[in-house]
Amino acid sequence: EWSSFFGLAFDDDRLYRSNGLLNKHAIQMAKDAGAQRFAFISLSYEVAKFLEGPIEGYIDGKRLAESTACELFGTENTIVVGPSFIYGGKRFPTFGKVYRAFV
């Protein structure tokens, strides 16, 4: 079992709740409010395959949200964008220094 990834500790249950269940509720709220279409930022298939194991809760949560959007809005009215990487600098300041060194 993975307890950390690149030195960062993760809690799979927390990752699942924040990336899956929270998004599932947000998607349901959008549907209940009358939204006709839904766009969801997820992660690329390649990144998901790479991260299998280390942060399974994150991946499972994203997949739950994707399937919820498709179920509620239909595949014709749902778009899932899967970027390879999104960096939000304040959450991982050390990683930001490394990332900026390469970009």
Protein backbone atom coordinates (compact mmCIF):
# COMPACT_ATOMS: atom_id res chain seq x y z
CA GLU A 1 0.00 0.00 0.00
CA TRP A 2 1.22 3.46 -0.87
CA SER A 3 1.35 5.94 1.98
CA SER A 4 3.17 8.68 0.11
CA PHE A 5 3.95 9.77 -3.41
CA PHE A 6 7.14 11.71 -4.14
CA GLY A 7 7.40 12.36 -0.40
CA LEU A 8 3.85 13.70 -0.09
CA ALA A 9 1.54 11.81 2.26
CA PHE A 10 -1.99 11.17 1.04
CA ASP A 11 -5.12 9.77 2.62
CA ASP A 12 -7.04 7.78 -0.02
CA ASP A 13 -10.37 8.21 1.77
CA ARG A 14 -9.93 11.97 1.92
CA LEU A 15 -8.87 12.10 -1.74
CA TYR A 16 -11.93 10.07 -2.73
CA ARG A 17 -14.27 12.31 -0.74
CA SER A 18 -12.81 15.56 -2.07
CA ASN A 19 -12.43 14.47 -5.71
CA GLY A 20 -15.35 12.07 -5.96
CA LEU A 21 -18.15 12.57 -3.48
CA LEU A 22 -17.83 16.35 -3.32
CA ASN A 23 -17.87 16.62 -7.11
CA LYS A 24 -20.75 14.15 -7.32
CA HIS A 25 -22.82 16.44 -5.09
CA ALA A 26 -21.79 19.52 -7.09
CA ILE A 27 -22.83 17.80 -10.33
CA GLN A 28 -26.18 16.86 -8.81
CA MET A 29 -26.66 20.46 -7.65
CA ALA A 30 -25.96 21.72 -11.18
CA LYS A 31 -28.57 19.31 -12.57
CA ASP A 32 -31.10 20.28 -9.91
CA ALA A 33 -30.51 23.97 -10.72
CA GLY A 34 -31.48 23.32 -14.34
CA ALA A 35 -28.11 23.00 -16.09
CA GLN A 36 -28.46 21.32 -19.47
CA ARG A 37 -24.78 20.52 -20.06
CA PHE A 38 -21.79 19.84 -17.84
CA ALA A 39 -18.02 20.25 -18.25
CA PHE A 40 -15.69 18.52 -15.80
CA ILE A 41 -11.92 18.90 -15.34
CA SER A 42 -10.52 15.45 -14.64
CA LEU A 43 -7.15 13.96 -15.59
CA SER A 44 -5.76 12.35 -18.70
CA TYR A 45 -5.93 8.61 -19.19
CA GLU A 46 -2.13 8.45 -19.35
CA VAL A 47 -1.72 10.26 -16.03
CA ALA A 48 -4.34 8.02 -14.41
CA LYS A 49 -2.45 4.91 -15.55
CA PHE A 50 0.81 6.37 -14.21
CA LEU A 51 -0.73 7.20 -10.83
CA GLU A 52 -2.48 3.87 -10.25
CA GLY A 53 -1.46 2.79 -6.80
CA PRO A 54 0.08 5.92 -5.30
CA ILE A 55 -3.09 8.02 -5.11
CA GLU A 56 -5.90 5.60 -5.89
CA GLY A 57 -8.48 7.65 -3.98
CA TYR A 58 -7.84 10.62 -6.28
CA ILE A 59 -8.27 8.54 -9.43
CA ASP A 60 -11.33 6.68 -8.14
CA GLY A 61 -12.88 9.99 -7.09
CA LYS A 62 -12.32 11.55 -10.51
CA ARG A 63 -13.84 8.50 -12.20
CA LEU A 64 -16.88 8.68 -9.92
CA ALA A 65 -17.42 12.32 -10.83
CA GLU A 66 -17.00 11.59 -14.56
CA SER A 67 -19.54 8.76 -14.47
CA THR A 68 -21.98 10.83 -12.41
CA ALA A 69 -21.85 13.68 -14.94
CA CYS A 70 -22.45 11.26 -17.81
CA GLU A 71 -25.32 9.57 -15.99
CA LEU A 72 -27.07 12.82 -15.10
CA PHE A 73 -26.43 14.83 -18.27
CA GLY A 74 -25.89 12.09 -20.85
CA THR A 75 -22.75 11.57 -22.89
CA GLU A 76 -23.82 14.10 -25.54
CA ASN A 77 -24.18 16.85 -22.94
CA THR A 78 -21.10 16.10 -20.86
CA ILE A 79 -17.52 16.99 -21.67
CA VAL A 80 -14.65 15.68 -19.60
CA VAL A 81 -11.38 17.55 -20.07
CA GLY A 82 -8.35 15.48 -19.11
CA PRO A 83 -5.23 17.62 -18.87
CA SER A 84 -1.96 15.92 -18.03
CA PHE A 85 -1.07 18.41 -15.31
CA ILE A 86 -2.58 21.36 -13.46
CA TYR A 87 -0.35 23.16 -11.02
CA GLY A 88 -1.76 25.26 -8.18
CA GLY A 89 1.39 26.72 -6.66
CA LYS A 90 0.37 27.43 -3.09
CA ARG A 91 -0.63 23.88 -2.24
CA PHE A 92 2.78 22.34 -2.97
CA PRO A 93 5.34 25.19 -2.70
CA THR A 94 8.40 22.90 -2.87
CA PHE A 95 7.07 21.17 -5.97
CA GLY A 96 6.52 24.59 -7.52
CA LYS A 97 10.22 25.39 -7.28
CA VAL A 98 11.13 22.14 -8.97
CA TYR A 99 8.44 22.60 -11.64
CA ARG A 100 9.52 26.16 -12.43
CA ALA A 101 13.12 24.99 -12.81
CA PHE A 102 12.03 22.77 -15.73
CA VAL A 103 9.46 25.01 -17.37
